[in-house]
């Protein structure tokens, strides 16, 4: 970090960081990252298209899946521009306002995705616990209210962050730890007292990722208890199989964050390139893997995809 003697509020320039020691090879290193971004955008766009156009997919589970795909697309849109700017254009500078805006959208859509995963866990619980009233409980109106609540929560929890950051003093030039802006990174670069900012960030995480992960685990505990009460082993396996896709994307979402948190506390300075790689992957992997998991595990998605390709072949013929 540069000297705090020339501090300013809201007028600092932040320098993006790529892979330490590999600056001359950024173009080559960035190829797989950019490829993941492109595949993520294409995969989630296809999921949204299939759910919108196929009446067989107009069910609560797939409505929540469309919300997940939308949040993944928005997360890609939030992180991809600065990756292109750094790796392909070689431009590291980012003004404070753009950095704060990117920070807001990255955290907001991360919280949206976490909230959608919780809603999907509740969807699976209702489908297994009370299948006869499944459609009457998860109506279109109820799902719209859930989606709106998830979005409002994400905005309200992240709105104080950029506002409070404007009250801090930063060096004229600060070096970020990643190729995008995160709240904890910016707070760590500030020259003034950051206790309130750190507290707000902690509360925000606890009321989003922390609360959601706890409720997801509680949902699966209730699901497991319900499944164990089913007499037929075949029906038990069938019920559990409906949760596999969701369980996979929950692990894909939370495990990289856990791994990155451990790495930052244990060996961040010993392996800086690994820390940067994991920091990039923990945002890139979920949008990349979610469409793949559902295409593999969901028969309805596969059938919809096949039907779409067959329709295009007929149209071309």
Protein backbone atom coordinates (compact mmCIF):
# COMPACT_ATOMS: atom_id res chain seq x y z
CA UNK A 1 0.00 0.00 0.00
CA UNK A 2 1.19 3.55 -0.75
CA UNK A 3 1.76 6.21 1.89
CA UNK A 4 -1.20 7.64 3.76
CA UNK A 5 0.40 11.09 3.86
CA UNK A 6 -1.45 12.08 0.68
CA UNK A 7 -4.86 10.78 1.66
CA UNK A 8 -8.10 11.77 -0.01
CA UNK A 9 -11.72 10.75 0.38
CA UNK A 10 -13.49 9.33 -2.65
CA UNK A 11 -10.83 10.43 -5.14
CA UNK A 12 -8.33 7.58 -4.86
CA UNK A 13 -7.15 5.34 -7.66
CA UNK A 14 -6.98 1.61 -7.07
CA UNK A 15 -4.60 -0.71 -8.91
CA UNK A 16 -5.93 -4.15 -9.86
CA UNK A 17 -3.71 -7.15 -9.15
CA UNK A 18 -3.39 -10.19 -11.39
CA UNK A 19 -1.19 -13.21 -10.70
CA UNK A 20 1.99 -12.24 -8.81
CA UNK A 21 5.11 -13.29 -10.71
CA UNK A 22 3.18 -14.02 -13.90
CA UNK A 23 2.61 -10.46 -15.12
CA UNK A 24 4.36 -11.12 -18.45
CA UNK A 25 2.12 -14.15 -19.09
CA UNK A 26 -1.21 -12.60 -18.18
CA UNK A 27 -2.57 -13.06 -21.70
CA UNK A 28 -1.97 -16.81 -21.54
CA UNK A 29 -3.04 -17.22 -17.92
CA UNK A 30 -6.26 -15.36 -18.60
CA UNK A 31 -7.36 -17.64 -21.47
CA UNK A 32 -8.89 -20.35 -19.23
CA UNK A 33 -10.44 -17.68 -16.97
CA UNK A 34 -12.03 -15.89 -19.92
CA UNK A 35 -13.15 -19.23 -21.35
CA UNK A 36 -14.88 -20.06 -18.05
CA UNK A 37 -16.62 -16.67 -18.14
CA UNK A 38 -17.86 -17.20 -21.71
CA UNK A 39 -19.09 -20.74 -20.97
CA UNK A 40 -20.80 -19.47 -17.79
CA UNK A 41 -22.64 -16.76 -19.71
CA UNK A 42 -23.68 -19.18 -22.46
CA UNK A 43 -24.72 -21.95 -20.04
CA UNK A 44 -26.85 -19.73 -17.81
CA UNK A 45 -28.40 -18.00 -20.83
CA UNK A 46 -29.40 -21.40 -22.22
CA UNK A 47 -30.93 -22.38 -18.88
CA UNK A 48 -32.98 -19.17 -18.83
CA UNK A 49 -34.07 -19.69 -22.44
CA UNK A 50 -35.18 -23.28 -21.81
CA UNK A 51 -37.13 -22.41 -18.67
CA UNK A 52 -38.84 -19.49 -20.40
CA UNK A 53 -39.81 -21.37 -23.58
CA UNK A 54 -40.59 -24.89 -22.33
CA UNK A 55 -43.98 -25.19 -20.52
CA UNK A 56 -42.79 -28.43 -18.87
CA UNK A 57 -40.24 -26.35 -16.92
CA UNK A 58 -42.76 -23.86 -15.54
CA UNK A 59 -42.52 -25.37 -12.07
CA UNK A 60 -41.36 -23.82 -8.76
CA UNK A 61 -38.03 -25.65 -8.79
CA UNK A 62 -37.15 -24.35 -12.24
CA UNK A 63 -38.42 -20.86 -11.41
CA UNK A 64 -35.87 -20.76 -8.59
CA UNK A 65 -33.28 -22.19 -10.99
CA UNK A 66 -33.98 -19.29 -13.37
CA UNK A 67 -33.37 -16.89 -10.46
CA UNK A 68 -30.07 -18.66 -9.78
CA UNK A 69 -29.05 -18.42 -13.44
CA UNK A 70 -29.94 -14.71 -13.48
CA UNK A 71 -27.82 -14.02 -10.40
CA UNK A 72 -24.94 -15.98 -11.95
CA UNK A 73 -25.14 -13.86 -15.11
CA UNK A 74 -25.16 -10.67 -13.05
CA UNK A 75 -22.18 -11.90 -11.03
CA UNK A 76 -20.27 -12.59 -14.25
CA UNK A 77 -21.18 -9.12 -15.52
CA UNK A 78 -19.85 -7.63 -12.28
CA UNK A 79 -16.44 -9.36 -12.32
CA UNK A 80 -15.71 -9.90 -16.03
CA UNK A 81 -15.05 -6.23 -17.06
CA UNK A 82 -12.12 -5.67 -14.70
CA UNK A 83 -10.66 -9.08 -15.62
CA UNK A 84 -10.69 -8.07 -19.29
CA UNK A 85 -9.31 -4.65 -18.39
CA UNK A 86 -6.38 -6.14 -16.47
CA UNK A 87 -5.52 -9.33 -18.36
CA UNK A 88 -6.14 -8.23 -21.95
CA UNK A 89 -5.80 -4.45 -21.95
CA UNK A 90 -3.09 -4.27 -19.28
CA UNK A 91 -4.90 -1.41 -17.51
CA UNK A 92 -4.70 -1.61 -13.73
CA UNK A 93 -6.19 1.74 -12.69
CA UNK A 94 -9.72 1.88 -11.33
CA UNK A 95 -11.30 5.06 -9.88
CA UNK A 96 -12.89 4.97 -6.44
CA UNK A 97 -16.48 5.33 -7.72
CA UNK A 98 -16.15 2.42 -10.17
CA UNK A 99 -14.44 0.31 -7.53
CA UNK A 100 -17.18 1.00 -4.97
CA UNK A 101 -19.88 0.27 -7.55
CA UNK A 102 -18.27 -3.04 -8.50
CA UNK A 103 -17.91 -3.95 -4.83
CA UNK A 104 -21.61 -3.28 -4.26
CA UNK A 105 -22.77 -5.41 -7.21
CA UNK A 106 -20.40 -8.31 -6.50
CA UNK A 107 -21.50 -8.61 -2.88
CA UNK A 108 -25.16 -7.96 -3.69
CA UNK A 109 -25.40 -10.70 -6.31
CA UNK A 110 -23.43 -13.07 -4.10
CA UNK A 111 -26.06 -12.52 -1.40
CA UNK A 112 -28.82 -12.96 -3.98
CA UNK A 113 -27.34 -16.31 -5.01
CA UNK A 114 -27.09 -17.40 -1.39
CA UNK A 115 -30.72 -16.42 -0.82
CA UNK A 116 -31.86 -18.32 -3.90
CA UNK A 117 -30.01 -21.43 -2.69
CA UNK A 118 -31.93 -21.14 0.59
CA UNK A 119 -35.22 -20.79 -1.30
CA UNK A 120 -34.35 -23.88 -3.34
CA UNK A 121 -33.64 -25.81 -0.13
CA UNK A 122 -37.10 -24.83 1.16
CA UNK A 123 -38.56 -25.88 -2.21
CA UNK A 124 -37.03 -29.37 -1.85
CA UNK A 125 -38.26 -29.63 1.76
CA UNK A 126 -41.85 -28.77 0.77
CA UNK A 127 -41.73 -31.13 -2.23
CA UNK A 128 -40.65 -34.06 -0.01
CA UNK A 129 -42.59 -33.21 3.16
CA UNK A 130 -45.92 -32.20 1.61
CA UNK A 131 -46.00 -33.14 -2.10
CA UNK A 132 -49.81 -32.94 -2.35
CA UNK A 133 -49.82 -29.25 -1.39
CA UNK A 134 -46.54 -28.39 -3.15
CA UNK A 135 -48.14 -26.39 -5.98
CA UNK A 136 -50.57 -24.59 -3.66
CA UNK A 137 -47.77 -23.52 -1.26
CA UNK A 138 -45.23 -22.41 -3.86
CA UNK A 139 -47.52 -20.37 -6.10
CA UNK A 140 -46.25 -17.84 -8.65
CA UNK A 141 -47.22 -15.06 -6.27
CA UNK A 142 -45.32 -16.65 -3.38
CA UNK A 143 -42.21 -17.17 -5.50
CA UNK A 144 -42.34 -13.59 -6.75
CA UNK A 145 -42.47 -12.36 -3.14
CA UNK A 146 -39.54 -14.61 -2.21
CA UNK A 147 -37.50 -13.32 -5.15
CA UNK A 148 -38.31 -9.70 -4.27
CA UNK A 149 -37.39 -10.29 -0.61
CA UNK A 150 -34.04 -11.83 -1.61
CA UNK A 151 -33.24 -8.86 -3.86
CA UNK A 152 -34.30 -6.24 -1.30
CA UNK A 153 -32.26 -7.93 1.43
CA UNK A 154 -29.16 -7.96 -0.80
CA UNK A 155 -29.54 -4.26 -1.59
CA UNK A 156 -30.21 -3.18 2.00
CA UNK A 157 -27.30 -5.20 3.42
CA UNK A 158 -24.83 -3.82 0.86
CA UNK A 159 -26.00 -0.22 0.58
CA UNK A 160 -24.18 1.00 3.73
CA UNK A 161 -20.83 -0.33 2.45
CA UNK A 162 -20.13 2.17 -0.35
CA UNK A 163 -21.65 5.04 1.67
CA UNK A 164 -19.40 4.39 4.67
CA UNK A 165 -16.35 3.90 2.45
CA UNK A 166 -16.80 7.45 1.19
CA UNK A 167 -16.19 8.68 4.72
CA UNK A 168 -12.76 7.00 4.86
CA UNK A 169 -9.39 8.37 3.83
CA UNK A 170 -7.36 6.43 1.25
CA UNK A 171 -3.93 6.98 -0.30
CA UNK A 172 -3.99 8.61 -3.72
CA UNK A 173 -2.96 5.21 -5.11
CA UNK A 174 -3.77 1.86 -3.47
CA UNK A 175 -2.98 -1.67 -4.63
CA UNK A 176 -5.84 -4.18 -4.44
CA UNK A 177 -5.33 -7.86 -3.65
CA UNK A 178 -7.44 -9.06 -6.59
CA UNK A 179 -8.58 -8.10 -10.07
CA UNK A 180 -11.85 -6.78 -8.64
CA UNK A 181 -12.97 -4.76 -5.62
CA UNK A 182 -14.16 -6.36 -2.38
CA UNK A 183 -15.31 -4.68 0.81
CA UNK A 184 -12.74 -6.30 3.10
CA UNK A 185 -9.95 -5.38 0.66
CA UNK A 186 -10.94 -1.71 0.50
CA UNK A 187 -11.40 -1.42 4.26
CA UNK A 188 -7.92 -2.85 4.76
CA UNK A 189 -6.44 -0.15 2.52
CA UNK A 190 -8.01 2.77 4.37
CA UNK A 191 -5.88 5.17 6.40
CA UNK A 192 -8.59 6.17 8.88
CA UNK A 193 -10.49 4.26 11.55
CA UNK A 194 -12.46 1.36 10.03
CA UNK A 195 -14.17 -0.18 13.05
CA UNK A 196 -17.67 0.78 11.91
CA UNK A 197 -16.98 -0.46 8.37
CA UNK A 198 -15.65 -3.78 9.65
CA UNK A 199 -18.66 -4.19 11.96
CA UNK A 200 -21.11 -3.41 9.15
CA UNK A 201 -19.34 -5.89 6.88
CA UNK A 202 -19.43 -8.60 9.55
CA UNK A 203 -23.13 -8.05 10.27
CA UNK A 204 -23.86 -8.10 6.54
CA UNK A 205 -22.13 -11.46 6.10
CA UNK A 206 -23.78 -12.97 9.19
CA UNK A 207 -27.27 -11.88 8.06
CA UNK A 208 -26.74 -13.27 4.56
CA UNK A 209 -24.22 -16.06 4.01
CA UNK A 210 -24.12 -17.05 7.68
CA UNK A 211 -27.89 -17.15 8.18
CA UNK A 212 -28.53 -18.79 4.81
CA UNK A 213 -25.98 -21.56 5.34
CA UNK A 214 -27.47 -22.33 8.77
CA UNK A 215 -31.03 -22.47 7.40
CA UNK A 216 -29.92 -24.63 4.46
CA UNK A 217 -28.36 -27.12 6.88
CA UNK A 218 -31.54 -27.02 8.96
CA UNK A 219 -33.63 -27.68 5.83
CA UNK A 220 -31.55 -30.72 4.96
CA UNK A 221 -31.80 -32.01 8.53
CA UNK A 222 -35.60 -31.79 8.23
CA UNK A 223 -35.47 -33.38 4.77
CA UNK A 224 -33.37 -36.25 6.12
CA UNK A 225 -35.78 -36.78 9.01
CA UNK A 226 -38.72 -36.82 6.60
CA UNK A 227 -36.99 -39.25 4.23
CA UNK A 228 -36.09 -41.63 7.07
CA UNK A 229 -39.80 -41.76 7.91
CA UNK A 230 -40.63 -43.16 4.45
CA UNK A 231 -41.23 -46.92 4.63
CA UNK A 232 -40.09 -47.92 1.13
CA UNK A 233 -36.29 -47.88 0.49
CA UNK A 234 -36.96 -47.15 -3.17
CA UNK A 235 -39.07 -44.12 -2.31
CA UNK A 236 -36.40 -42.92 0.10
CA UNK A 237 -33.76 -43.07 -2.63
CA UNK A 238 -36.08 -41.36 -5.10
CA UNK A 239 -36.76 -38.52 -2.63
CA UNK A 240 -33.07 -38.02 -1.86
CA UNK A 241 -32.20 -38.07 -5.55
CA UNK A 242 -34.32 -34.95 -6.10
CA UNK A 243 -31.94 -33.07 -3.75
CA UNK A 244 -28.63 -34.12 -5.34
CA UNK A 245 -28.44 -31.25 -7.85
CA UNK A 246 -29.19 -28.62 -5.23
CA UNK A 247 -26.78 -30.14 -2.72
CA UNK A 248 -24.02 -30.09 -5.36
CA UNK A 249 -24.46 -26.40 -6.16
CA UNK A 250 -24.63 -25.54 -2.45
CA UNK A 251 -21.24 -27.23 -1.96
CA UNK A 252 -19.88 -25.55 -5.11
CA UNK A 253 -21.00 -22.18 -3.76
CA UNK A 254 -19.80 -22.45 -0.15
CA UNK A 255 -16.69 -24.69 -0.28
CA UNK A 256 -14.51 -22.33 -2.39
CA UNK A 257 -15.38 -19.49 -0.01
CA UNK A 258 -14.41 -21.65 2.94
CA UNK A 259 -11.16 -22.69 1.24
CA UNK A 260 -10.28 -19.09 0.39
CA UNK A 261 -10.99 -17.99 3.97
CA UNK A 262 -8.68 -20.69 5.35
CA UNK A 263 -5.95 -19.84 2.82
CA UNK A 264 -6.10 -16.13 3.71
CA UNK A 265 -5.57 -16.97 7.37
CA UNK A 266 -2.90 -19.64 6.95
CA UNK A 267 -0.69 -19.34 3.86
CA UNK A 268 -1.81 -16.29 1.89
CA UNK A 269 1.65 -14.67 1.85
CA UNK A 270 3.49 -17.92 1.15
CA UNK A 271 1.45 -18.68 -1.98
CA UNK A 272 0.15 -15.33 -3.32
CA UNK A 273 -0.57 -16.73 -6.81
CA UNK A 274 -2.64 -19.56 -5.30
CA UNK A 275 -4.57 -17.05 -3.18
CA UNK A 276 -5.36 -14.95 -6.26
CA UNK A 277 -6.34 -18.05 -8.25
CA UNK A 278 -8.73 -19.23 -5.54
CA UNK A 279 -10.13 -15.72 -5.17
CA UNK A 280 -10.96 -15.73 -8.87
CA UNK A 281 -12.28 -19.28 -8.86
CA UNK A 282 -14.63 -18.76 -5.92
CA UNK A 283 -16.53 -16.26 -8.08
CA UNK A 284 -16.11 -18.05 -11.42
CA UNK A 285 -16.75 -21.69 -10.51
CA UNK A 286 -20.40 -21.48 -9.30
CA UNK A 287 -21.73 -19.72 -12.45
CA UNK A 288 -19.70 -22.16 -14.55
CA UNK A 289 -20.74 -25.35 -12.76
CA UNK A 290 -24.40 -24.66 -11.95
CA UNK A 291 -25.73 -25.12 -15.53
CA UNK A 292 -23.53 -28.20 -15.98
CA UNK A 293 -24.81 -29.82 -12.78
CA UNK A 294 -28.46 -29.24 -13.69
CA UNK A 295 -27.96 -30.38 -17.28
CA UNK A 296 -26.42 -33.61 -16.02
CA UNK A 297 -28.83 -34.31 -13.15
CA UNK A 298 -32.14 -32.90 -14.44
CA UNK A 299 -33.96 -35.08 -16.96
CA UNK A 300 -36.40 -32.25 -17.76
CA UNK A 301 -33.54 -29.84 -18.59
CA UNK A 302 -31.89 -32.43 -20.83
CA UNK A 303 -35.18 -33.15 -22.59
CA UNK A 304 -35.83 -29.44 -23.06
CA UNK A 305 -32.34 -28.95 -24.48
CA UNK A 306 -32.75 -31.90 -26.83
CA UNK A 307 -36.18 -30.67 -27.92
CA UNK A 308 -34.75 -27.23 -28.66
CA UNK A 309 -31.95 -28.67 -30.82
CA UNK A 310 -34.38 -30.93 -32.68
CA UNK A 311 -36.67 -27.96 -33.32
CA UNK A 312 -33.77 -25.96 -34.74
CA UNK A 313 -32.78 -28.86 -36.99
CA UNK A 314 -36.34 -29.09 -38.28
CA UNK A 315 -36.43 -25.34 -38.92
CA UNK A 316 -33.13 -25.47 -40.82
CA UNK A 317 -34.33 -28.43 -42.88
